[in-house]
Amino acid sequence: MRSAVLALGLALAACATPQVTRTTLVAADAATSLIAGERLTQVVSIEAASRGSDSVVSLTLRHADGRTLTFQEANHSPNDLRAQGAGGALAQVMGVGEDVTTLYHATSGEGERAGAPFLCGPQGPAALGVHRGTDGTLRMVGLRQNFEFETRPDGQIEALPYSPDQVCARLTFRAP
């Protein structure tokens, strides 16, 4: 009986422990190097979905000098899913055609972000778009605001036009 309770406890603890992946991102162009430095550490933490909810995916970018930016994957609302779908609003902003992209929202409100942002000025980005190319490059865009949607007269939901002025960073990385 004791061993069954112990095994059950270990199994439950394993389910509650987030899966964490660390990757060193190396700047692939001069613009990225100027904005973010030569290297960033990307930490992705995935907390398994509980009954009736989606997984919680957190992405942290850590600058070589210790500054961090933290985001959470926008995998919960229908409009966020529309924005990052194949050929969606985020793919259009990133210029990746019909590819699928991933949208992340900053984890705290503007002006309240922990640490000193190193992207998009002192307030940091409101959202981050990520695209992994078939050649292994990782492209990111910092966004000053989130995407907005409206319902057309025919009932279709579409993203409002996104101003290029709202893109505050375009980065390209290689993962060694």
Protein backbone atom coordinates (compact mmCIF):
# COMPACT_ATOMS: atom_id res chain seq x y z
CA MET A 1 0.00 0.00 0.00
CA ARG A 2 2.79 2.39 0.94
CA SER A 3 4.63 1.81 -2.32
CA ALA A 4 1.42 2.46 -4.31
CA VAL A 5 0.89 5.78 -2.49
CA LEU A 6 4.54 6.72 -3.03
CA ALA A 7 4.36 5.83 -6.74
CA LEU A 8 1.16 7.86 -7.13
CA GLY A 9 2.76 10.82 -5.35
CA LEU A 10 5.82 10.67 -7.62
CA ALA A 11 3.62 10.44 -10.73
CA LEU A 12 1.59 13.47 -9.64
CA ALA A 13 4.76 15.44 -8.87
CA ALA A 14 6.12 14.64 -12.32
CA CYS A 15 2.91 15.96 -13.89
CA ALA A 16 3.12 19.21 -11.90
CA THR A 17 6.76 19.89 -12.80
CA PRO A 18 7.03 22.13 -15.84
CA GLN A 19 9.10 21.02 -18.80
CA VAL A 20 11.92 23.57 -19.27
CA THR A 21 14.09 24.02 -22.37
CA ARG A 22 17.04 26.42 -22.55
CA THR A 23 18.47 27.52 -25.91
CA THR A 24 21.25 29.94 -26.72
CA LEU A 25 20.23 32.18 -29.59
CA VAL A 26 23.00 33.72 -31.69
CA ALA A 27 22.33 36.92 -33.64
CA ALA A 28 22.13 36.10 -37.37
CA ASP A 29 22.48 39.67 -38.65
CA ALA A 30 23.96 43.02 -37.67
CA ALA A 31 20.60 44.60 -36.81
CA THR A 32 19.79 41.84 -34.32
CA SER A 33 23.26 42.12 -32.81
CA LEU A 34 22.80 45.88 -32.31
CA ILE A 35 19.35 45.51 -30.76
CA ALA A 36 19.79 42.43 -28.59
CA GLY A 37 23.51 41.69 -28.44
CA GLU A 38 25.35 38.70 -29.87
CA ARG A 39 23.58 36.10 -27.74
CA LEU A 40 20.32 35.68 -25.86
CA THR A 41 19.22 32.79 -23.73
CA GLN A 42 15.71 31.59 -24.47
CA VAL A 43 13.96 29.63 -21.72
CA VAL A 44 10.69 27.93 -22.60
CA SER A 45 8.67 26.48 -19.73
CA ILE A 46 5.60 24.33 -20.42
CA GLU A 47 3.17 23.54 -17.62
CA ALA A 48 0.99 20.61 -18.61
CA ALA A 49 -2.67 21.28 -19.25
CA SER A 50 -5.03 20.54 -16.44
CA ARG A 51 -8.52 19.25 -16.98
CA GLY A 52 -10.42 21.65 -19.24
CA SER A 53 -7.61 24.12 -19.88
CA ASP A 54 -4.68 24.64 -22.24
CA SER A 55 -1.01 24.24 -21.38
CA VAL A 56 0.71 27.33 -20.06
CA VAL A 57 3.78 28.10 -22.18
CA SER A 58 6.13 30.78 -20.88
CA LEU A 59 9.01 32.22 -22.89
CA THR A 60 11.79 34.17 -21.21
CA LEU A 61 14.49 35.99 -23.13
CA ARG A 62 17.58 36.68 -21.05
CA HIS A 63 20.17 39.22 -22.22
CA ALA A 64 23.87 38.58 -21.49
CA ASP A 65 23.81 41.41 -18.91
CA GLY A 66 21.00 39.72 -16.95
CA ARG A 67 17.98 41.72 -18.15
CA THR A 68 14.96 39.57 -18.94
CA LEU A 69 11.67 39.78 -20.77
CA THR A 70 8.96 37.22 -20.05
CA PHE A 71 5.98 36.31 -22.22
CA GLN A 72 3.17 33.79 -22.18
CA GLU A 73 1.97 32.00 -25.30
CA ALA A 74 -1.33 33.36 -26.61
CA ASN A 75 -2.98 29.95 -26.93
CA HIS A 76 -6.21 30.66 -25.07
CA SER A 77 -8.49 33.10 -26.93
CA PRO A 78 -10.03 32.57 -30.38
CA ASN A 79 -8.66 35.92 -31.63
CA ASP A 80 -5.12 35.06 -30.52
CA LEU A 81 -5.41 31.77 -32.40
CA ARG A 82 -6.67 33.64 -35.48
CA ALA A 83 -3.75 36.07 -35.31
CA GLN A 84 -1.13 33.32 -35.34
CA GLY A 85 -2.75 30.89 -37.76
CA ALA A 86 -1.35 30.11 -41.20
CA GLY A 87 -1.33 33.37 -43.14
CA GLY A 88 -2.89 35.21 -40.19
CA ALA A 89 -2.26 38.75 -39.04
CA LEU A 90 1.02 37.88 -37.32
CA ALA A 91 2.36 36.03 -40.39
CA GLN A 92 1.51 39.11 -42.47
CA VAL A 93 3.33 41.44 -40.07
CA MET A 94 6.33 39.10 -40.03
CA GLY A 95 6.29 38.67 -43.82
CA VAL A 96 6.30 34.86 -43.70
CA GLY A 97 3.45 34.20 -46.13
CA GLU A 98 1.21 31.29 -45.19
CA ASP A 99 3.45 29.93 -42.44
CA VAL A 100 2.21 29.37 -38.90
CA THR A 101 3.59 31.77 -36.28
CA THR A 102 3.42 31.89 -32.50
CA LEU A 103 2.19 34.90 -30.54
CA TYR A 104 3.27 35.65 -26.98
CA HIS A 105 1.88 38.36 -24.69
CA ALA A 106 4.07 40.17 -22.16
CA THR A 107 3.34 38.75 -18.72
CA SER A 108 2.83 42.05 -16.91
CA GLY A 109 1.37 45.42 -17.77
CA GLU A 110 3.21 48.19 -19.54
CA GLY A 111 5.61 49.94 -17.20
CA GLU A 112 5.37 47.09 -14.66
CA ARG A 113 7.62 44.56 -16.37
CA ALA A 114 10.32 43.13 -14.16
CA GLY A 115 13.86 44.09 -15.05
CA ALA A 116 14.91 46.59 -17.69
CA PRO A 117 13.59 45.70 -21.14
CA PHE A 118 16.19 45.45 -23.89
CA LEU A 119 13.68 45.44 -26.77
CA CYS A 120 11.28 48.17 -27.84
CA GLY A 121 12.43 50.96 -25.58
CA PRO A 122 11.97 51.35 -21.85
CA GLN A 123 8.41 49.98 -21.82
CA GLY A 124 9.34 46.76 -23.66
CA PRO A 125 7.07 45.02 -26.18
CA ALA A 126 3.40 44.31 -25.44
CA ALA A 127 3.67 41.11 -27.49
CA LEU A 128 6.25 39.02 -29.31
CA GLY A 129 5.79 37.14 -32.58
CA VAL A 130 7.98 34.09 -33.22
CA HIS A 131 8.57 32.11 -36.42
CA ARG A 132 10.95 29.20 -36.90
CA GLY A 133 12.05 28.94 -40.52
CA THR A 134 12.70 25.70 -42.37
CA ASP A 135 16.38 26.71 -42.48
CA GLY A 136 16.53 26.75 -38.66
CA THR A 137 16.50 30.51 -38.23
CA LEU A 138 14.31 31.94 -35.53
CA ARG A 139 12.66 35.26 -36.35
CA MET A 140 11.04 37.46 -33.71
CA VAL A 141 9.11 40.70 -33.90
CA GLY A 142 8.41 42.97 -30.96
CA LEU A 143 4.92 44.49 -31.09
CA ARG A 144 3.87 47.67 -29.29
CA GLN A 145 0.23 46.57 -29.11
CA ASN A 146 -1.84 43.44 -29.50
CA PHE A 147 -3.93 42.63 -32.56
CA GLU A 148 -7.52 43.84 -32.64
CA PHE A 149 -10.40 42.12 -34.44
CA GLU A 150 -13.84 43.11 -35.68
CA THR A 151 -16.85 41.29 -37.02
CA ARG A 152 -17.68 42.17 -40.62
CA PRO A 153 -21.30 42.63 -41.78
CA ASP A 154 -21.21 39.10 -43.25
CA GLY A 155 -20.36 37.65 -39.81
CA GLN A 156 -16.70 36.88 -40.55
CA ILE A 157 -14.14 37.98 -37.96
CA GLU A 158 -10.99 39.66 -39.26
CA ALA A 159 -8.00 41.47 -37.87
CA LEU A 160 -7.90 45.24 -38.15
CA PRO A 161 -4.94 46.55 -40.15
CA TYR A 162 -1.74 46.60 -38.10
CA SER A 163 0.44 49.66 -38.53
CA PRO A 164 4.12 49.03 -39.35
CA ASP A 165 4.87 51.75 -36.78
CA GLN A 166 3.70 49.34 -34.08
CA VAL A 167 6.50 46.86 -34.87
CA CYS A 168 9.30 47.92 -32.54
CA ALA A 169 11.91 45.21 -33.22
CA ARG A 170 12.73 42.67 -35.94
CA LEU A 171 15.25 40.04 -34.88
CA THR A 172 16.81 37.00 -36.57
CA PHE A 173 18.67 34.32 -34.63
CA ARG A 174 20.44 31.02 -35.20
CA ALA A 175 20.30 28.35 -32.52
CA PRO A 176 23.80 26.75 -32.36
